[in-house]
Protein backbone atom coordinates (compact mmCIF):
# COMPACT_ATOMS: atom_id res chain seq x y z
CA MET A 1 2.61 1.83 22.22
CA SER A 2 -0.85 3.31 22.18
CA MET A 3 -2.24 5.31 19.31
CA SER A 4 -4.13 8.51 19.70
CA MET A 5 -7.50 9.27 18.15
CA TYR A 6 -5.77 11.75 15.83
CA GLN A 7 -3.27 9.10 14.66
CA VAL A 8 -6.05 6.58 14.03
CA ALA A 9 -8.30 9.07 12.20
CA ILE A 10 -6.51 11.84 10.31
CA PRO A 11 -3.82 9.91 8.38
CA VAL A 12 -6.38 7.21 7.47
CA PHE A 13 -8.90 9.77 6.22
CA VAL A 14 -6.29 11.66 4.20
CA ARG A 15 -4.85 8.53 2.63
CA ALA A 16 -8.30 7.14 1.72
CA LEU A 17 -9.28 10.40 0.05
CA GLN A 18 -5.92 10.69 -1.79
CA ASN A 19 -6.35 7.16 -3.07
CA LEU A 20 -9.94 7.91 -4.11
CA HIS A 21 -8.60 10.91 -6.06
CA HIS A 22 -6.07 8.64 -7.78
CA VAL A 23 -8.67 6.03 -8.67
CA LEU A 24 -10.95 8.71 -10.08
CA LYS A 25 -8.13 10.07 -12.24
CA LEU A 26 -7.63 6.57 -13.72
CA GLY A 27 -11.38 6.18 -14.25
CA GLU A 28 -11.56 9.55 -15.98
CA ALA A 29 -8.63 8.67 -18.27
CA HIS A 30 -10.32 5.41 -19.20
CA ALA A 31 -13.63 7.22 -19.93
CA LYS A 32 -11.88 9.81 -22.08
CA ALA A 33 -10.02 7.09 -24.02
CA LYS A 34 -13.39 5.47 -24.77
CA ASN A 35 -15.11 8.80 -25.54
CA VAL A 36 -17.52 8.44 -22.65
CA GLU A 37 -18.96 11.72 -21.26
CA ASP A 38 -18.18 12.60 -17.60
CA SER A 39 -21.90 12.70 -16.84
CA VAL A 40 -22.34 9.10 -17.92
CA VAL A 41 -19.55 7.87 -15.68
CA LEU A 42 -20.51 10.08 -12.74
CA HIS A 43 -24.07 8.75 -12.80
CA THR A 44 -23.11 5.09 -13.20
CA ARG A 45 -24.38 2.71 -10.53
CA LEU A 46 -23.51 -0.90 -9.76
CA ILE A 47 -27.20 -1.74 -9.51
CA PRO A 48 -30.34 0.43 -9.78
CA ASP A 49 -30.93 0.80 -6.05
CA MET A 50 -27.37 1.90 -5.26
CA LEU A 51 -26.16 5.52 -5.40
CA PRO A 52 -24.16 6.69 -8.42
CA LEU A 53 -20.40 7.34 -8.51
CA VAL A 54 -20.76 11.07 -7.83
CA LYS A 55 -22.77 10.42 -4.68
CA GLN A 56 -20.28 7.79 -3.48
CA VAL A 57 -17.52 10.39 -3.69
CA GLN A 58 -19.66 13.02 -1.95
CA ILE A 59 -20.48 10.67 0.92
CA ALA A 60 -16.85 9.50 1.26
CA THR A 61 -15.63 13.08 1.59
CA ASP A 62 -18.47 13.90 3.98
CA MET A 63 -17.62 10.93 6.18
CA ALA A 64 -13.99 12.03 6.51
CA LYS A 65 -14.49 15.77 6.94
CA ASN A 66 -17.59 15.51 9.11
CA GLY A 67 -16.06 12.75 11.19
CA THR A 68 -12.99 14.90 11.84
CA ALA A 69 -15.04 17.92 12.85
CA ARG A 70 -17.40 15.94 15.10
CA LEU A 71 -14.48 14.29 16.90
CA ALA A 72 -13.08 17.79 17.44
CA GLY A 73 -16.43 18.91 18.84
CA VAL A 74 -17.12 21.50 16.09
CA ASP A 75 -19.81 21.80 13.44
CA PRO A 76 -18.66 20.28 10.16
CA LEU A 77 -17.94 22.41 7.13
CA LYS A 78 -20.81 22.05 4.67
CA PHE A 79 -20.26 21.11 1.01
CA GLU A 80 -23.04 21.65 -1.51
CA ASP A 81 -23.21 18.23 -3.30
CA ASN A 82 -23.47 19.87 -6.69
CA GLU A 83 -20.49 18.34 -8.54
CA THR A 84 -21.12 17.56 -12.26
CA SER A 85 -17.57 16.84 -13.48
CA PHE A 86 -14.44 14.97 -12.49
CA ASP A 87 -12.67 18.31 -11.94
CA GLU A 88 -15.34 19.35 -9.46
CA LEU A 89 -14.99 16.01 -7.63
CA TYR A 90 -11.20 16.45 -7.46
CA ASN A 91 -11.73 19.93 -6.05
CA ARG A 92 -14.16 18.52 -3.46
CA ILE A 93 -11.66 15.86 -2.40
CA GLU A 94 -8.87 18.41 -2.16
CA ARG A 95 -11.02 20.79 -0.09
CA ALA A 96 -11.93 17.93 2.23
CA ILE A 97 -8.29 16.94 2.67
CA ASP A 98 -7.26 20.55 3.35
CA TYR A 99 -10.04 20.85 5.93
CA ILE A 100 -9.10 17.58 7.63
CA LYS A 101 -5.42 18.59 7.75
CA SER A 102 -6.34 21.93 9.37
CA PHE A 103 -7.23 20.11 12.59
CA LYS A 104 -4.53 19.77 15.25
CA PRO A 105 -3.95 16.63 17.32
CA GLU A 106 -5.05 18.38 20.49
CA GLN A 107 -8.50 18.98 18.89
CA ILE A 108 -9.01 15.25 18.22
CA ASP A 109 -7.07 13.53 21.01
CA GLY A 110 -9.18 12.94 24.05
CA SER A 111 -12.34 12.56 22.02
CA GLU A 112 -12.65 8.84 22.82
CA THR A 113 -15.52 9.47 25.25
CA ARG A 114 -16.91 12.64 23.67
CA THR A 115 -20.57 12.16 22.74
CA VAL A 116 -21.15 12.48 19.01
CA THR A 117 -24.77 12.76 17.87
CA ILE A 118 -25.68 12.59 14.18
CA LYS A 119 -28.96 12.91 12.40
CA THR A 120 -29.96 9.92 10.33
CA ARG A 121 -33.01 8.88 8.36
CA ASN A 122 -34.11 6.94 11.46
CA GLY A 123 -33.59 9.80 13.91
CA ASP A 124 -30.67 10.94 16.01
CA GLN A 125 -27.93 8.44 16.73
CA SER A 126 -25.41 8.96 19.51
CA PHE A 127 -21.99 7.42 19.94
CA GLU A 128 -18.95 7.78 22.14
CA GLY A 129 -16.10 9.18 20.04
CA HIS A 130 -14.15 5.94 19.96
CA ALA A 131 -17.14 3.91 18.69
CA TYR A 132 -18.09 6.70 16.29
CA LEU A 133 -14.64 6.60 14.67
CA LEU A 134 -14.13 2.85 14.59
CA HIS A 135 -17.64 1.57 14.05
CA PHE A 136 -19.27 4.31 11.97
CA VAL A 137 -16.89 6.72 10.22
CA ILE A 138 -14.09 4.38 9.08
CA PRO A 139 -16.41 1.61 7.84
CA ASN A 140 -18.61 4.11 5.99
CA LEU A 141 -15.59 5.92 4.47
CA PHE A 142 -14.20 2.66 3.10
CA PHE A 143 -17.59 1.41 1.99
CA HIS A 144 -18.09 4.45 -0.22
CA CYS A 145 -14.49 4.54 -1.47
CA THR A 146 -14.77 0.83 -2.33
CA THR A 147 -18.10 1.34 -4.08
CA ALA A 148 -16.62 4.19 -6.15
CA TYR A 149 -13.70 1.92 -7.05
CA ASN A 150 -16.07 -0.87 -7.98
CA ILE A 151 -18.20 1.39 -10.21
CA LEU A 152 -15.08 2.48 -12.08
CA ARG A 153 -13.74 -1.06 -12.32
CA GLU A 154 -17.10 -2.35 -13.60
CA SER A 155 -17.02 0.47 -16.16
CA GLY A 156 -13.79 -1.00 -17.51
CA ALA A 157 -11.18 1.27 -15.91
CA HIS A 158 -7.81 -0.40 -15.56
CA ILE A 159 -7.44 -0.08 -11.83
CA GLY A 160 -6.34 -2.59 -9.28
CA LYS A 161 -5.99 -3.23 -5.60
CA GLN A 162 -2.72 -1.26 -5.40
CA ASP A 163 -4.51 1.80 -6.81
CA PHE A 164 -7.12 1.52 -4.05
CA ILE A 165 -4.66 0.90 -1.24
CA GLY A 166 -2.00 3.34 -2.48
CA LYS A 167 1.74 3.36 -2.02
CA SER A 168 3.24 3.08 1.40
């Protein structure tokens, strides 16, 4: 049985963001139990040259929502990147999930060979849809979700692999 681009992308994006939401909730609960301000946790980094937790969440949501839109051949919905609390991050994740779920299979299916061009620090980068999904969006989404998880884990949150992967 073959899988469509929609089947490979949309359920994976939604699940990754739902699990990120769950991990953030556990991280927030840990911070509150230890009387740590949201701003401290949200600006925590693994090492000085890595982006803080808040940015990891912003990039993860951007990867999923922008990836969905680009595969559908439409301009991505813009988010402001101005979150300063856990509640604002939860709202961002929920908005991203709602946006992703608004796309229909017929908008994504058939995008395997659609050219997707993105602007990067090093100039424009073009992909065929299949490579864009499998070699750019999915790895980046999971990199930033994993980094957010690791920041929370390093901060002492009681989270584990099952929290990251989620329930089947």
